[in-house]
């Protein structure tokens, strides 16, 4: 009986680590994509002179808010 309980706990621990590794991979991928999009967006806005095109600034802020929201959500799970 104790052996069955121990095996169940071991399986739960293994599943938990697998889930954590999966979340880590997803989080890392989201960060890489976000960094790329931010650098790409900033390059475009710099090229277009952000002062002349306020919508670029708004797009950067919106993207950063979205990324922060995703990161908070990932931390909560």
N, C-alpha and C. Protein backbone atom coordinates (compact mmCIF):
# COMPACT_ATOMS: atom_id res chain seq x y z
N UNK A 1 0.82 -1.19 0.00
CA UNK A 1 0.00 0.00 0.00
C UNK A 1 0.87 1.26 0.00
N UNK A 2 1.91 1.28 0.85
CA UNK A 2 2.80 2.43 0.92
C UNK A 2 3.59 2.59 -0.38
N UNK A 3 3.93 1.45 -0.99
CA UNK A 3 4.68 1.50 -2.25
C UNK A 3 3.84 2.13 -3.35
N UNK A 4 2.55 1.81 -3.38
CA UNK A 4 1.65 2.38 -4.38
C UNK A 4 1.54 3.89 -4.18
N UNK A 5 1.42 4.30 -2.92
CA UNK A 5 1.32 5.73 -2.60
C UNK A 5 2.61 6.45 -3.00
N UNK A 6 3.76 5.82 -2.72
CA UNK A 6 5.05 6.40 -3.07
C UNK A 6 5.18 6.54 -4.59
N UNK A 7 4.76 5.53 -5.33
CA UNK A 7 4.82 5.59 -6.79
C UNK A 7 3.93 6.70 -7.34
N UNK A 8 2.76 6.85 -6.74
CA UNK A 8 1.85 7.91 -7.16
C UNK A 8 2.49 9.28 -6.95
N UNK A 9 3.11 9.47 -5.80
CA UNK A 9 3.77 10.74 -5.51
C UNK A 9 4.94 10.96 -6.46
N UNK A 10 5.71 9.91 -6.74
CA UNK A 10 6.83 10.04 -7.67
C UNK A 10 6.35 10.43 -9.06
N UNK A 11 5.26 9.84 -9.51
CA UNK A 11 4.70 10.18 -10.82
C UNK A 11 4.24 11.63 -10.85
N UNK A 12 3.62 12.08 -9.77
CA UNK A 12 3.17 13.47 -9.70
C UNK A 12 4.35 14.44 -9.74
N UNK A 13 5.42 14.09 -9.04
CA UNK A 13 6.62 14.93 -9.04
C UNK A 13 7.24 14.97 -10.44
N UNK A 14 7.32 13.81 -11.08
CA UNK A 14 7.89 13.76 -12.43
C UNK A 14 7.03 14.58 -13.40
N UNK A 15 5.73 14.47 -13.27
CA UNK A 15 4.83 15.24 -14.14
C UNK A 15 4.98 16.73 -13.88
N UNK A 16 5.13 17.10 -12.61
CA UNK A 16 5.32 18.50 -12.25
C UNK A 16 6.59 19.06 -12.89
N UNK A 17 7.69 18.30 -12.84
CA UNK A 17 8.93 18.75 -13.45
C UNK A 17 8.79 18.84 -14.97
N UNK A 18 8.10 17.89 -15.56
CA UNK A 18 7.88 17.93 -17.01
C UNK A 18 7.08 19.18 -17.38
N UNK A 19 6.06 19.47 -16.59
CA UNK A 19 5.26 20.67 -16.84
C UNK A 19 6.09 21.94 -16.68
N UNK A 20 6.93 21.97 -15.65
CA UNK A 20 7.78 23.15 -15.43
C UNK A 20 8.76 23.33 -16.59
N UNK A 21 9.33 22.25 -17.08
CA UNK A 21 10.26 22.34 -18.21
C UNK A 21 9.53 22.83 -19.45
N UNK A 22 8.32 22.34 -19.66
CA UNK A 22 7.52 22.78 -20.81
C UNK A 22 7.22 24.27 -20.71
N UNK A 23 6.81 24.72 -19.54
CA UNK A 23 6.51 26.14 -19.33
C UNK A 23 7.76 26.98 -19.53
N UNK A 24 8.90 26.49 -19.09
CA UNK A 24 10.17 27.21 -19.27
C UNK A 24 10.50 27.37 -20.75
N UNK A 25 10.28 26.31 -21.53
CA UNK A 25 10.54 26.38 -22.97
C UNK A 25 9.59 27.38 -23.63
N UNK A 26 8.32 27.32 -23.28
CA UNK A 26 7.33 28.24 -23.85
C UNK A 26 7.67 29.69 -23.47
N UNK A 27 7.99 29.91 -22.20
CA UNK A 27 8.32 31.25 -21.73
C UNK A 27 9.55 31.79 -22.44
N UNK A 28 10.57 30.95 -22.58
CA UNK A 28 11.78 31.37 -23.29
C UNK A 28 11.50 31.71 -24.75
N UNK A 29 10.65 30.92 -25.38
CA UNK A 29 10.30 31.18 -26.78
C UNK A 29 9.53 32.49 -26.92
N UNK A 30 8.60 32.72 -26.01
CA UNK A 30 7.83 33.98 -26.03
C UNK A 30 8.76 35.16 -25.85
N UNK A 31 9.73 35.03 -24.94
CA UNK A 31 10.67 36.12 -24.70
C UNK A 31 11.50 36.40 -25.95
N UNK A 32 11.98 35.35 -26.62
CA UNK A 32 12.78 35.55 -27.83
C UNK A 32 11.97 36.24 -28.92
N UNK A 33 10.74 35.79 -29.10
CA UNK A 33 9.87 36.40 -30.12
C UNK A 33 9.60 37.86 -29.76
N UNK A 34 9.31 38.11 -28.49
CA UNK A 34 9.02 39.46 -28.04
C UNK A 34 10.22 40.38 -28.22
N UNK A 35 11.39 39.89 -27.85
CA UNK A 35 12.60 40.69 -28.03
C UNK A 35 12.81 41.03 -29.50
N UNK A 36 12.60 40.04 -30.35
CA UNK A 36 12.75 40.29 -31.78
C UNK A 36 11.75 41.33 -32.27
N UNK A 37 10.48 41.16 -31.90
CA UNK A 37 9.46 42.10 -32.34
C UNK A 37 9.72 43.50 -31.81
N UNK A 38 10.14 43.58 -30.55
CA UNK A 38 10.44 44.90 -29.98
C UNK A 38 11.60 45.57 -30.72
N UNK A 39 12.65 44.83 -30.98
CA UNK A 39 13.80 45.43 -31.68
C UNK A 39 13.41 45.80 -33.10
N UNK A 40 12.64 44.95 -33.74
CA UNK A 40 12.20 45.23 -35.10
C UNK A 40 11.29 46.45 -35.13
N UNK A 41 10.33 46.50 -34.20
CA UNK A 41 9.40 47.63 -34.13
C UNK A 41 10.12 48.93 -33.81
N UNK A 42 11.09 48.87 -32.90
CA UNK A 42 11.84 50.08 -32.56
C UNK A 42 12.69 50.55 -33.73
N UNK A 43 13.25 49.62 -34.48
CA UNK A 43 14.03 49.98 -35.66
C UNK A 43 13.15 50.69 -36.69
N UNK A 44 11.98 50.16 -36.93
CA UNK A 44 11.06 50.77 -37.88
C UNK A 44 10.67 52.17 -37.41
N UNK A 45 10.31 52.28 -36.14
CA UNK A 45 9.89 53.59 -35.63
C UNK A 45 11.02 54.59 -35.66
N UNK A 46 12.23 54.14 -35.39
CA UNK A 46 13.38 55.05 -35.47
C UNK A 46 13.57 55.51 -36.91
N UNK A 47 13.44 54.59 -37.81
CA UNK A 47 13.60 54.92 -39.23
C UNK A 47 12.53 55.93 -39.67
N UNK A 48 11.33 55.76 -39.17
CA UNK A 48 10.23 56.65 -39.57
C UNK A 48 10.14 57.91 -38.71
N UNK A 49 11.08 58.07 -37.78
CA UNK A 49 11.10 59.21 -36.86
C UNK A 49 9.83 59.24 -36.02
N UNK A 50 9.92 58.61 -34.87
CA UNK A 50 8.77 58.41 -33.99
C UNK A 50 8.00 59.70 -33.74
N UNK A 51 8.71 60.81 -33.64
CA UNK A 51 8.03 62.06 -33.36
C UNK A 51 7.01 62.42 -34.44
N UNK A 52 7.28 62.04 -35.65
CA UNK A 52 6.37 62.33 -36.76
C UNK A 52 5.23 61.33 -36.85
N UNK A 53 5.40 60.17 -36.22
CA UNK A 53 4.41 59.11 -36.30
C UNK A 53 4.07 58.59 -34.91
N UNK A 54 3.20 59.28 -34.17
CA UNK A 54 2.90 58.87 -32.79
C UNK A 54 2.28 57.47 -32.69
N UNK A 55 1.69 56.98 -33.77
CA UNK A 55 1.09 55.64 -33.71
C UNK A 55 2.15 54.57 -33.47
N UNK A 56 3.40 54.82 -33.89
CA UNK A 56 4.47 53.85 -33.64
C UNK A 56 4.73 53.73 -32.14
N UNK A 57 4.76 54.85 -31.46
CA UNK A 57 4.95 54.83 -30.01
C UNK A 57 3.83 54.04 -29.34
N UNK A 58 2.61 54.24 -29.78
CA UNK A 58 1.47 53.53 -29.22
C UNK A 58 1.60 52.03 -29.46
N UNK A 59 2.07 51.65 -30.66
CA UNK A 59 2.23 50.24 -30.97
C UNK A 59 3.28 49.60 -30.05
N UNK A 60 4.37 50.29 -29.79
CA UNK A 60 5.41 49.76 -28.92
C UNK A 60 4.86 49.57 -27.51
N UNK A 61 4.14 50.57 -27.03
CA UNK A 61 3.57 50.49 -25.67
C UNK A 61 2.57 49.34 -25.60
N UNK A 62 1.71 49.21 -26.61
CA UNK A 62 0.73 48.13 -26.61
C UNK A 62 1.42 46.76 -26.60
N UNK A 63 2.48 46.63 -27.38
CA UNK A 63 3.21 45.36 -27.44
C UNK A 63 3.86 45.05 -26.08
N UNK A 64 4.43 46.08 -25.45
CA UNK A 64 5.06 45.87 -24.15
C UNK A 64 4.04 45.50 -23.09
N UNK A 65 2.86 46.09 -23.14
CA UNK A 65 1.78 45.74 -22.20
C UNK A 65 1.36 44.30 -22.43
N UNK A 66 1.23 43.90 -23.69
CA UNK A 66 0.85 42.53 -24.01
C UNK A 66 1.88 41.54 -23.48
N UNK A 67 3.15 41.85 -23.66
CA UNK A 67 4.22 40.97 -23.19
C UNK A 67 4.20 40.87 -21.67
N UNK A 68 4.03 42.00 -21.00
CA UNK A 68 3.97 41.99 -19.53
C UNK A 68 2.79 41.15 -19.05
N UNK A 69 1.67 41.27 -19.73
CA UNK A 69 0.49 40.50 -19.37
C UNK A 69 0.75 39.01 -19.56
N UNK A 70 1.37 38.64 -20.67
CA UNK A 70 1.69 37.22 -20.92
C UNK A 70 2.66 36.68 -19.86
N UNK A 71 3.66 37.49 -19.53
CA UNK A 71 4.63 37.04 -18.52
C UNK A 71 3.96 36.85 -17.16
N UNK A 72 3.08 37.79 -16.79
CA UNK A 72 2.36 37.64 -15.51
C UNK A 72 1.51 36.38 -15.52
N UNK A 73 0.85 36.14 -16.65
CA UNK A 73 -0.01 34.96 -16.75
C UNK A 73 0.82 33.68 -16.62
N UNK A 74 1.99 33.66 -17.28
CA UNK A 74 2.85 32.47 -17.23
C UNK A 74 3.37 32.25 -15.80
N UNK A 75 3.68 33.33 -15.09
CA UNK A 75 4.18 33.20 -13.71
C UNK A 75 3.09 32.65 -12.79
N UNK A 76 1.84 33.02 -13.05
CA UNK A 76 0.74 32.57 -12.20
C UNK A 76 0.45 31.08 -12.41
N UNK A 77 0.75 30.59 -13.60
CA UNK A 77 0.49 29.17 -13.89
C UNK A 77 1.72 28.42 -13.55
